[in-house]
mmCIF file of all heavy atoms, coordinates in Angstrom:
data_MODEL
# 
_entry.id   MODEL 
# 
loop_
_atom_site.group_PDB 
_atom_site.id 
_atom_site.type_symbol 
_atom_site.label_atom_id 
_atom_site.label_alt_id 
_atom_site.label_comp_id 
_atom_site.label_asym_id 
_atom_site.label_entity_id 
_atom_site.label_seq_id 
_atom_site.pdbx_PDB_ins_code 
_atom_site.Cartn_x 
_atom_site.Cartn_y 
_atom_site.Cartn_z 
_atom_site.occupancy 
_atom_site.B_iso_or_equiv 
_atom_site.pdbx_formal_charge 
_atom_site.auth_seq_id 
_atom_site.auth_comp_id 
_atom_site.auth_asym_id 
_atom_site.auth_atom_id 
_atom_site.pdbx_PDB_model_num 
ATOM 1   N N   . HIS A 1 1  ? 58.101 42.283 172.628 1.00 0.00 ? 1  HIS A N   1 
ATOM 2   C CA  . HIS A 1 1  ? 58.733 41.006 172.304 1.00 0.00 ? 1  HIS A CA  1 
ATOM 3   C C   . HIS A 1 1  ? 59.022 40.142 173.525 1.00 0.00 ? 1  HIS A C   1 
ATOM 4   O O   . HIS A 1 1  ? 58.978 38.920 173.449 1.00 0.00 ? 1  HIS A O   1 
ATOM 5   C CB  . HIS A 1 1  ? 60.023 41.229 171.525 1.00 0.00 ? 1  HIS A CB  1 
ATOM 6   C CG  . HIS A 1 1  ? 59.767 41.747 170.156 1.00 0.00 ? 1  HIS A CG  1 
ATOM 7   N ND1 . HIS A 1 1  ? 59.321 40.996 169.123 1.00 0.00 ? 1  HIS A ND1 1 
ATOM 8   C CD2 . HIS A 1 1  ? 59.849 43.028 169.678 1.00 0.00 ? 1  HIS A CD2 1 
ATOM 9   C CE1 . HIS A 1 1  ? 59.152 41.742 168.055 1.00 0.00 ? 1  HIS A CE1 1 
ATOM 10  N NE2 . HIS A 1 1  ? 59.459 42.978 168.320 1.00 0.00 ? 1  HIS A NE2 1 
ATOM 11  N N   . ASP A 1 2  ? 59.287 40.798 174.654 1.00 0.00 ? 2  ASP A N   1 
ATOM 12  C CA  . ASP A 1 2  ? 59.601 40.022 175.877 1.00 0.00 ? 2  ASP A CA  1 
ATOM 13  C C   . ASP A 1 2  ? 58.372 39.517 176.611 1.00 0.00 ? 2  ASP A C   1 
ATOM 14  O O   . ASP A 1 2  ? 58.426 38.490 177.255 1.00 0.00 ? 2  ASP A O   1 
ATOM 15  C CB  . ASP A 1 2  ? 60.419 40.906 176.856 1.00 0.00 ? 2  ASP A CB  1 
ATOM 16  C CG  . ASP A 1 2  ? 61.811 41.165 176.352 1.00 0.00 ? 2  ASP A CG  1 
ATOM 17  O OD1 . ASP A 1 2  ? 62.247 40.526 175.367 1.00 0.00 ? 2  ASP A OD1 1 
ATOM 18  O OD2 . ASP A 1 2  ? 62.504 42.041 176.931 1.00 0.00 ? 2  ASP A OD2 1 
ATOM 19  N N   . HIS A 1 3  ? 57.271 40.261 176.532 1.00 0.00 ? 3  HIS A N   1 
ATOM 20  C CA  . HIS A 1 3  ? 56.106 39.906 177.362 1.00 0.00 ? 3  HIS A CA  1 
ATOM 21  C C   . HIS A 1 3  ? 54.799 39.684 176.575 1.00 0.00 ? 3  HIS A C   1 
ATOM 22  O O   . HIS A 1 3  ? 54.107 38.734 176.783 1.00 0.00 ? 3  HIS A O   1 
ATOM 23  C CB  . HIS A 1 3  ? 55.866 41.008 178.429 1.00 0.00 ? 3  HIS A CB  1 
ATOM 24  C CG  . HIS A 1 3  ? 57.031 41.121 179.346 1.00 0.00 ? 3  HIS A CG  1 
ATOM 25  N ND1 . HIS A 1 3  ? 57.928 42.157 179.254 1.00 0.00 ? 3  HIS A ND1 1 
ATOM 26  C CD2 . HIS A 1 3  ? 57.462 40.368 180.379 1.00 0.00 ? 3  HIS A CD2 1 
ATOM 27  C CE1 . HIS A 1 3  ? 58.858 42.027 180.160 1.00 0.00 ? 3  HIS A CE1 1 
ATOM 28  N NE2 . HIS A 1 3  ? 58.600 40.936 180.852 1.00 0.00 ? 3  HIS A NE2 1 
ATOM 29  N N   . VAL A 1 4  ? 54.485 40.609 175.674 1.00 0.00 ? 4  VAL A N   1 
ATOM 30  C CA  . VAL A 1 4  ? 53.191 40.551 174.993 1.00 0.00 ? 4  VAL A CA  1 
ATOM 31  C C   . VAL A 1 4  ? 53.111 39.383 174.030 1.00 0.00 ? 4  VAL A C   1 
ATOM 32  O O   . VAL A 1 4  ? 52.143 38.576 174.073 1.00 0.00 ? 4  VAL A O   1 
ATOM 33  C CB  . VAL A 1 4  ? 52.888 41.870 174.276 1.00 0.00 ? 4  VAL A CB  1 
ATOM 34  C CG1 . VAL A 1 4  ? 51.597 41.786 173.495 1.00 0.00 ? 4  VAL A CG1 1 
ATOM 35  C CG2 . VAL A 1 4  ? 52.808 43.009 175.289 1.00 0.00 ? 4  VAL A CG2 1 
ATOM 36  N N   . LEU A 1 5  ? 54.108 39.213 173.152 1.00 0.00 ? 5  LEU A N   1 
ATOM 37  C CA  . LEU A 1 5  ? 54.059 38.126 172.182 1.00 0.00 ? 5  LEU A CA  1 
ATOM 38  C C   . LEU A 1 5  ? 54.085 36.756 172.846 1.00 0.00 ? 5  LEU A C   1 
ATOM 39  O O   . LEU A 1 5  ? 53.289 35.895 172.460 1.00 0.00 ? 5  LEU A O   1 
ATOM 40  C CB  . LEU A 1 5  ? 55.174 38.285 171.149 1.00 0.00 ? 5  LEU A CB  1 
ATOM 41  C CG  . LEU A 1 5  ? 55.076 39.560 170.306 1.00 0.00 ? 5  LEU A CG  1 
ATOM 42  C CD1 . LEU A 1 5  ? 56.240 39.632 169.316 1.00 0.00 ? 5  LEU A CD1 1 
ATOM 43  C CD2 . LEU A 1 5  ? 53.760 39.669 169.586 1.00 0.00 ? 5  LEU A CD2 1 
ATOM 44  N N   . PRO A 1 6  ? 54.941 36.518 173.832 1.00 0.00 ? 6  PRO A N   1 
ATOM 45  C CA  . PRO A 1 6  ? 54.888 35.212 174.478 1.00 0.00 ? 6  PRO A CA  1 
ATOM 46  C C   . PRO A 1 6  ? 53.530 34.945 175.183 1.00 0.00 ? 6  PRO A C   1 
ATOM 47  O O   . PRO A 1 6  ? 53.028 33.822 175.147 1.00 0.00 ? 6  PRO A O   1 
ATOM 48  C CB  . PRO A 1 6  ? 56.002 35.260 175.530 1.00 0.00 ? 6  PRO A CB  1 
ATOM 49  C CG  . PRO A 1 6  ? 56.984 36.229 174.952 1.00 0.00 ? 6  PRO A CG  1 
ATOM 50  C CD  . PRO A 1 6  ? 56.132 37.254 174.275 1.00 0.00 ? 6  PRO A CD  1 
ATOM 51  N N   . ALA A 1 7  ? 52.919 35.996 175.739 1.00 0.00 ? 7  ALA A N   1 
ATOM 52  C CA  . ALA A 1 7  ? 51.613 35.806 176.374 1.00 0.00 ? 7  ALA A CA  1 
ATOM 53  C C   . ALA A 1 7  ? 50.547 35.477 175.314 1.00 0.00 ? 7  ALA A C   1 
ATOM 54  O O   . ALA A 1 7  ? 49.668 34.637 175.577 1.00 0.00 ? 7  ALA A O   1 
ATOM 55  C CB  . ALA A 1 7  ? 51.232 37.064 177.141 1.00 0.00 ? 7  ALA A CB  1 
ATOM 56  N N   . LEU A 1 8  ? 50.611 36.089 174.170 1.00 0.00 ? 8  LEU A N   1 
ATOM 57  C CA  . LEU A 1 8  ? 49.671 35.754 173.107 1.00 0.00 ? 8  LEU A CA  1 
ATOM 58  C C   . LEU A 1 8  ? 49.839 34.323 172.619 1.00 0.00 ? 8  LEU A C   1 
ATOM 59  O O   . LEU A 1 8  ? 48.862 33.608 172.433 1.00 0.00 ? 8  LEU A O   1 
ATOM 60  C CB  . LEU A 1 8  ? 49.840 36.757 171.948 1.00 0.00 ? 8  LEU A CB  1 
ATOM 61  C CG  . LEU A 1 8  ? 49.341 38.161 172.165 1.00 0.00 ? 8  LEU A CG  1 
ATOM 62  C CD1 . LEU A 1 8  ? 49.766 39.047 170.992 1.00 0.00 ? 8  LEU A CD1 1 
ATOM 63  C CD2 . LEU A 1 8  ? 47.836 38.189 172.350 1.00 0.00 ? 8  LEU A CD2 1 
ATOM 64  N N   . LEU A 1 9  ? 51.095 33.907 172.453 1.00 0.00 ? 9  LEU A N   1 
ATOM 65  C CA  . LEU A 1 9  ? 51.349 32.518 172.041 1.00 0.00 ? 9  LEU A CA  1 
ATOM 66  C C   . LEU A 1 9  ? 50.827 31.534 173.094 1.00 0.00 ? 9  LEU A C   1 
ATOM 67  O O   . LEU A 1 9  ? 50.208 30.542 172.748 1.00 0.00 ? 9  LEU A O   1 
ATOM 68  C CB  . LEU A 1 9  ? 52.841 32.293 171.807 1.00 0.00 ? 9  LEU A CB  1 
ATOM 69  C CG  . LEU A 1 9  ? 53.413 32.971 170.546 1.00 0.00 ? 9  LEU A CG  1 
ATOM 70  C CD1 . LEU A 1 9  ? 54.920 32.931 170.561 1.00 0.00 ? 9  LEU A CD1 1 
ATOM 71  C CD2 . LEU A 1 9  ? 52.869 32.284 169.287 1.00 0.00 ? 9  LEU A CD2 1 
ATOM 72  N N   . GLN A 1 10 ? 51.051 31.833 174.331 1.00 0.00 ? 10 GLN A N   1 
ATOM 73  C CA  . GLN A 1 10 ? 50.561 30.967 175.402 1.00 0.00 ? 10 GLN A CA  1 
ATOM 74  C C   . GLN A 1 10 ? 49.048 30.932 175.498 1.00 0.00 ? 10 GLN A C   1 
ATOM 75  O O   . GLN A 1 10 ? 48.451 29.910 175.861 1.00 0.00 ? 10 GLN A O   1 
ATOM 76  C CB  . GLN A 1 10 ? 51.144 31.409 176.751 1.00 0.00 ? 10 GLN A CB  1 
ATOM 77  C CG  . GLN A 1 10 ? 50.908 30.415 177.872 1.00 0.00 ? 10 GLN A CG  1 
ATOM 78  C CD  . GLN A 1 10 ? 51.694 30.750 179.112 1.00 0.00 ? 10 GLN A CD  1 
ATOM 79  O OE1 . GLN A 1 10 ? 52.356 31.763 179.178 1.00 0.00 ? 10 GLN A OE1 1 
ATOM 80  N NE2 . GLN A 1 10 ? 51.634 29.836 180.068 1.00 0.00 ? 10 GLN A NE2 1 
ATOM 81  N N   . ALA A 1 11 ? 48.410 32.019 175.074 1.00 0.00 ? 11 ALA A N   1 
ATOM 82  C CA  . ALA A 1 11 ? 46.958 32.094 175.094 1.00 0.00 ? 11 ALA A CA  1 
ATOM 83  C C   . ALA A 1 11 ? 46.319 31.449 173.876 1.00 0.00 ? 11 ALA A C   1 
ATOM 84  O O   . ALA A 1 11 ? 45.093 31.397 173.763 1.00 0.00 ? 11 ALA A O   1 
ATOM 85  C CB  . ALA A 1 11 ? 46.506 33.561 175.182 1.00 0.00 ? 11 ALA A CB  1 
ATOM 86  N N   . GLY A 1 12 ? 47.120 30.944 172.955 1.00 0.00 ? 12 GLY A N   1 
ATOM 87  C CA  . GLY A 1 12 ? 46.611 30.190 171.818 1.00 0.00 ? 12 GLY A CA  1 
ATOM 88  C C   . GLY A 1 12 ? 46.693 30.889 170.485 1.00 0.00 ? 12 GLY A C   1 
ATOM 89  O O   . GLY A 1 12 ? 46.246 30.335 169.485 1.00 0.00 ? 12 GLY A O   1 
ATOM 90  N N   . VAL A 1 13 ? 47.220 32.088 170.426 1.00 0.00 ? 13 VAL A N   1 
ATOM 91  C CA  . VAL A 1 13 ? 47.410 32.758 169.174 1.00 0.00 ? 13 VAL A CA  1 
ATOM 92  C C   . VAL A 1 13 ? 48.545 32.043 168.435 1.00 0.00 ? 13 VAL A C   1 
ATOM 93  O O   . VAL A 1 13 ? 49.582 31.714 169.040 1.00 0.00 ? 13 VAL A O   1 
ATOM 94  C CB  . VAL A 1 13 ? 47.781 34.244 169.372 1.00 0.00 ? 13 VAL A CB  1 
ATOM 95  C CG1 . VAL A 1 13 ? 48.061 34.918 168.050 1.00 0.00 ? 13 VAL A CG1 1 
ATOM 96  C CG2 . VAL A 1 13 ? 46.654 34.976 170.116 1.00 0.00 ? 13 VAL A CG2 1 
ATOM 97  N N   . THR A 1 14 ? 48.340 31.740 167.173 1.00 0.00 ? 14 THR A N   1 
ATOM 98  C CA  . THR A 1 14 ? 49.367 30.988 166.452 1.00 0.00 ? 14 THR A CA  1 
ATOM 99  C C   . THR A 1 14 ? 50.433 31.914 165.916 1.00 0.00 ? 14 THR A C   1 
ATOM 100 O O   . THR A 1 14 ? 50.232 33.109 165.766 1.00 0.00 ? 14 THR A O   1 
ATOM 101 C CB  . THR A 1 14 ? 48.735 30.240 165.258 1.00 0.00 ? 14 THR A CB  1 
ATOM 102 O OG1 . THR A 1 14 ? 48.285 31.172 164.282 1.00 0.00 ? 14 THR A OG1 1 
ATOM 103 C CG2 . THR A 1 14 ? 47.589 29.345 165.691 1.00 0.00 ? 14 THR A CG2 1 
ATOM 104 N N   . GLN A 1 15 ? 51.566 31.314 165.571 1.00 0.00 ? 15 GLN A N   1 
ATOM 105 C CA  . GLN A 1 15 ? 52.651 32.100 164.967 1.00 0.00 ? 15 GLN A CA  1 
ATOM 106 C C   . GLN A 1 15 ? 52.215 32.688 163.645 1.00 0.00 ? 15 GLN A C   1 
ATOM 107 O O   . GLN A 1 15 ? 52.544 33.813 163.301 1.00 0.00 ? 15 GLN A O   1 
ATOM 108 C CB  . GLN A 1 15 ? 53.893 31.217 164.806 1.00 0.00 ? 15 GLN A CB  1 
ATOM 109 C CG  . GLN A 1 15 ? 55.095 32.014 164.308 1.00 0.00 ? 15 GLN A CG  1 
ATOM 110 C CD  . GLN A 1 15 ? 55.537 33.087 165.276 1.00 0.00 ? 15 GLN A CD  1 
ATOM 111 O OE1 . GLN A 1 15 ? 55.706 32.829 166.473 1.00 0.00 ? 15 GLN A OE1 1 
ATOM 112 N NE2 . GLN A 1 15 ? 55.727 34.313 164.796 1.00 0.00 ? 15 GLN A NE2 1 
ATOM 113 N N   . ALA A 1 16 ? 51.423 31.948 162.881 1.00 0.00 ? 16 ALA A N   1 
ATOM 114 C CA  . ALA A 1 16 ? 50.902 32.443 161.622 1.00 0.00 ? 16 ALA A CA  1 
ATOM 115 C C   . ALA A 1 16 ? 50.041 33.689 161.850 1.00 0.00 ? 16 ALA A C   1 
ATOM 116 O O   . ALA A 1 16 ? 50.090 34.654 161.057 1.00 0.00 ? 16 ALA A O   1 
ATOM 117 C CB  . ALA A 1 16 ? 50.120 31.370 160.903 1.00 0.00 ? 16 ALA A CB  1 
ATOM 118 N N   . GLN A 1 17 ? 49.219 33.696 162.896 1.00 0.00 ? 17 GLN A N   1 
ATOM 119 C CA  . GLN A 1 17 ? 48.386 34.833 163.179 1.00 0.00 ? 17 GLN A CA  1 
ATOM 120 C C   . GLN A 1 17 ? 49.237 36.052 163.592 1.00 0.00 ? 17 GLN A C   1 
ATOM 121 O O   . GLN A 1 17 ? 48.971 37.176 163.230 1.00 0.00 ? 17 GLN A O   1 
ATOM 122 C CB  . GLN A 1 17 ? 47.365 34.487 164.295 1.00 0.00 ? 17 GLN A CB  1 
ATOM 123 C CG  . GLN A 1 17 ? 46.306 33.537 163.829 1.00 0.00 ? 17 GLN A CG  1 
ATOM 124 C CD  . GLN A 1 17 ? 45.465 33.037 164.986 1.00 0.00 ? 17 GLN A CD  1 
ATOM 125 O OE1 . GLN A 1 17 ? 45.989 32.713 166.073 1.00 0.00 ? 17 GLN A OE1 1 
ATOM 126 N NE2 . GLN A 1 17 ? 44.176 32.928 164.767 1.00 0.00 ? 17 GLN A NE2 1 
ATOM 127 N N   . LEU A 1 18 ? 50.283 35.792 164.395 1.00 0.00 ? 18 LEU A N   1 
ATOM 128 C CA  . LEU A 1 18 ? 51.204 36.878 164.772 1.00 0.00 ? 18 LEU A CA  1 
ATOM 129 C C   . LEU A 1 18 ? 51.907 37.411 163.521 1.00 0.00 ? 18 LEU A C   1 
ATOM 130 O O   . LEU A 1 18 ? 52.083 38.656 163.391 1.00 0.00 ? 18 LEU A O   1 
ATOM 131 C CB  . LEU A 1 18 ? 52.222 36.385 165.787 1.00 0.00 ? 18 LEU A CB  1 
ATOM 132 C CG  . LEU A 1 18 ? 51.711 36.096 167.197 1.00 0.00 ? 18 LEU A CG  1 
ATOM 133 C CD1 . LEU A 1 18 ? 52.845 35.565 168.079 1.00 0.00 ? 18 LEU A CD1 1 
ATOM 134 C CD2 . LEU A 1 18 ? 51.086 37.350 167.791 1.00 0.00 ? 18 LEU A CD2 1 
ATOM 135 N N   . ASP A 1 19 ? 52.321 36.555 162.639 1.00 0.00 ? 19 ASP A N   1 
ATOM 136 C CA  . ASP A 1 19 ? 52.976 37.005 161.393 1.00 0.00 ? 19 ASP A CA  1 
ATOM 137 C C   . ASP A 1 19 ? 52.023 37.875 160.591 1.00 0.00 ? 19 ASP A C   1 
ATOM 138 O O   . ASP A 1 19 ? 52.448 38.900 159.998 1.00 0.00 ? 19 ASP A O   1 
ATOM 139 C CB  . ASP A 1 19 ? 53.429 35.808 160.576 1.00 0.00 ? 19 ASP A CB  1 
ATOM 140 C CG  . ASP A 1 19 ? 54.595 35.058 161.179 1.00 0.00 ? 19 ASP A CG  1 
ATOM 141 O OD1 . ASP A 1 19 ? 55.221 35.627 162.086 1.00 0.00 ? 19 ASP A OD1 1 
ATOM 142 O OD2 . ASP A 1 19 ? 54.829 33.909 160.755 1.00 0.00 ? 19 ASP A OD2 1 
ATOM 143 N N   . THR A 1 20 ? 50.773 37.515 160.532 1.00 0.00 ? 20 THR A N   1 
ATOM 144 C CA  . THR A 1 20 ? 49.781 38.335 159.826 1.00 0.00 ? 20 THR A CA  1 
ATOM 145 C C   . THR A 1 20 ? 49.655 39.717 160.473 1.00 0.00 ? 20 THR A C   1 
ATOM 146 O O   . THR A 1 20 ? 49.701 40.741 159.767 1.00 0.00 ? 20 THR A O   1 
ATOM 147 C CB  . THR A 1 20 ? 48.418 37.652 159.836 1.00 0.00 ? 20 THR A CB  1 
ATOM 148 O OG1 . THR A 1 20 ? 48.496 36.406 159.109 1.00 0.00 ? 20 THR A OG1 1 
ATOM 149 C CG2 . THR A 1 20 ? 47.338 38.513 159.169 1.00 0.00 ? 20 THR A CG2 1 
ATOM 150 N N   . MET A 1 21 ? 49.599 39.749 161.805 1.00 0.00 ? 21 MET A N   1 
ATOM 151 C CA  . MET A 1 21 ? 49.430 41.024 162.530 1.00 0.00 ? 21 MET A CA  1 
ATOM 152 C C   . MET A 1 21 ? 50.684 41.900 162.420 1.00 0.00 ? 21 MET A C   1 
ATOM 153 O O   . MET A 1 21 ? 50.569 43.105 162.264 1.00 0.00 ? 21 MET A O   1 
ATOM 154 C CB  . MET A 1 21 ? 49.120 40.778 164.023 1.00 0.00 ? 21 MET A CB  1 
ATOM 155 C CG  . MET A 1 21 ? 47.767 40.230 164.271 1.00 0.00 ? 21 MET A CG  1 
ATOM 156 S SD  . MET A 1 21 ? 47.418 40.135 166.028 1.00 0.00 ? 21 MET A SD  1 
ATOM 157 C CE  . MET A 1 21 ? 48.162 38.551 166.449 1.00 0.00 ? 21 MET A CE  1 
ATOM 158 N N   . LEU A 1 22 ? 51.848 41.286 162.508 1.00 0.00 ? 22 LEU A N   1 
ATOM 159 C CA  . LEU A 1 22 ? 53.076 42.061 162.642 1.00 0.00 ? 22 LEU A CA  1 
ATOM 160 C C   . LEU A 1 22 ? 53.859 42.247 161.316 1.00 0.00 ? 22 LEU A C   1 
ATOM 161 O O   . LEU A 1 22 ? 54.706 43.120 161.241 1.00 0.00 ? 22 LEU A O   1 
ATOM 162 C CB  . LEU A 1 22 ? 54.011 41.408 163.678 1.00 0.00 ? 22 LEU A CB  1 
ATOM 163 C CG  . LEU A 1 22 ? 53.417 41.318 165.079 1.00 0.00 ? 22 LEU A CG  1 
ATOM 164 C CD1 . LEU A 1 22 ? 54.324 40.497 165.986 1.00 0.00 ? 22 LEU A CD1 1 
ATOM 165 C CD2 . LEU A 1 22 ? 53.198 42.727 165.656 1.00 0.00 ? 22 LEU A CD2 1 
ATOM 166 N N   . VAL A 1 23 ? 53.568 41.398 160.332 1.00 0.00 ? 23 VAL A N   1 
ATOM 167 C CA  . VAL A 1 23 ? 54.337 41.471 159.066 1.00 0.00 ? 23 VAL A CA  1 
ATOM 168 C C   . VAL A 1 23 ? 53.404 41.760 157.891 1.00 0.00 ? 23 VAL A C   1 
ATOM 169 O O   . VAL A 1 23 ? 53.568 42.754 157.183 1.00 0.00 ? 23 VAL A O   1 
ATOM 170 C CB  . VAL A 1 23 ? 55.121 40.186 158.825 1.00 0.00 ? 23 VAL A CB  1 
ATOM 171 C CG1 . VAL A 1 23 ? 55.850 40.226 157.482 1.00 0.00 ? 23 VAL A CG1 1 
ATOM 172 C CG2 . VAL A 1 23 ? 56.096 39.907 159.986 1.00 0.00 ? 23 VAL A CG2 1 
ATOM 173 N N   . ASP A 1 24 ? 52.423 40.897 157.698 1.00 0.00 ? 24 ASP A N   1 
ATOM 174 C CA  . ASP A 1 24 ? 51.585 41.006 156.507 1.00 0.00 ? 24 ASP A CA  1 
ATOM 175 C C   . ASP A 1 24 ? 50.736 42.271 156.500 1.00 0.00 ? 24 ASP A C   1 
ATOM 176 O O   . ASP A 1 24 ? 50.677 42.977 155.484 1.00 0.00 ? 24 ASP A O   1 
ATOM 177 C CB  . ASP A 1 24 ? 50.689 39.781 156.391 1.00 0.00 ? 24 ASP A CB  1 
ATOM 178 C CG  . ASP A 1 24 ? 51.477 38.485 156.289 1.00 0.00 ? 24 ASP A CG  1 
ATOM 179 O OD1 . ASP A 1 24 ? 52.622 38.534 155.837 1.00 0.00 ? 24 ASP A OD1 1 
ATOM 180 O OD2 . ASP A 1 24 ? 50.930 37.428 156.640 1.00 0.00 ? 24 ASP A OD2 1 
# 
């Protein structure tokens, strides 16, 4: 949560894509 997710968001991964990976 402190490093990987912010790096993914900065690299262009959308919040919706993260929600799919981590929730759905």
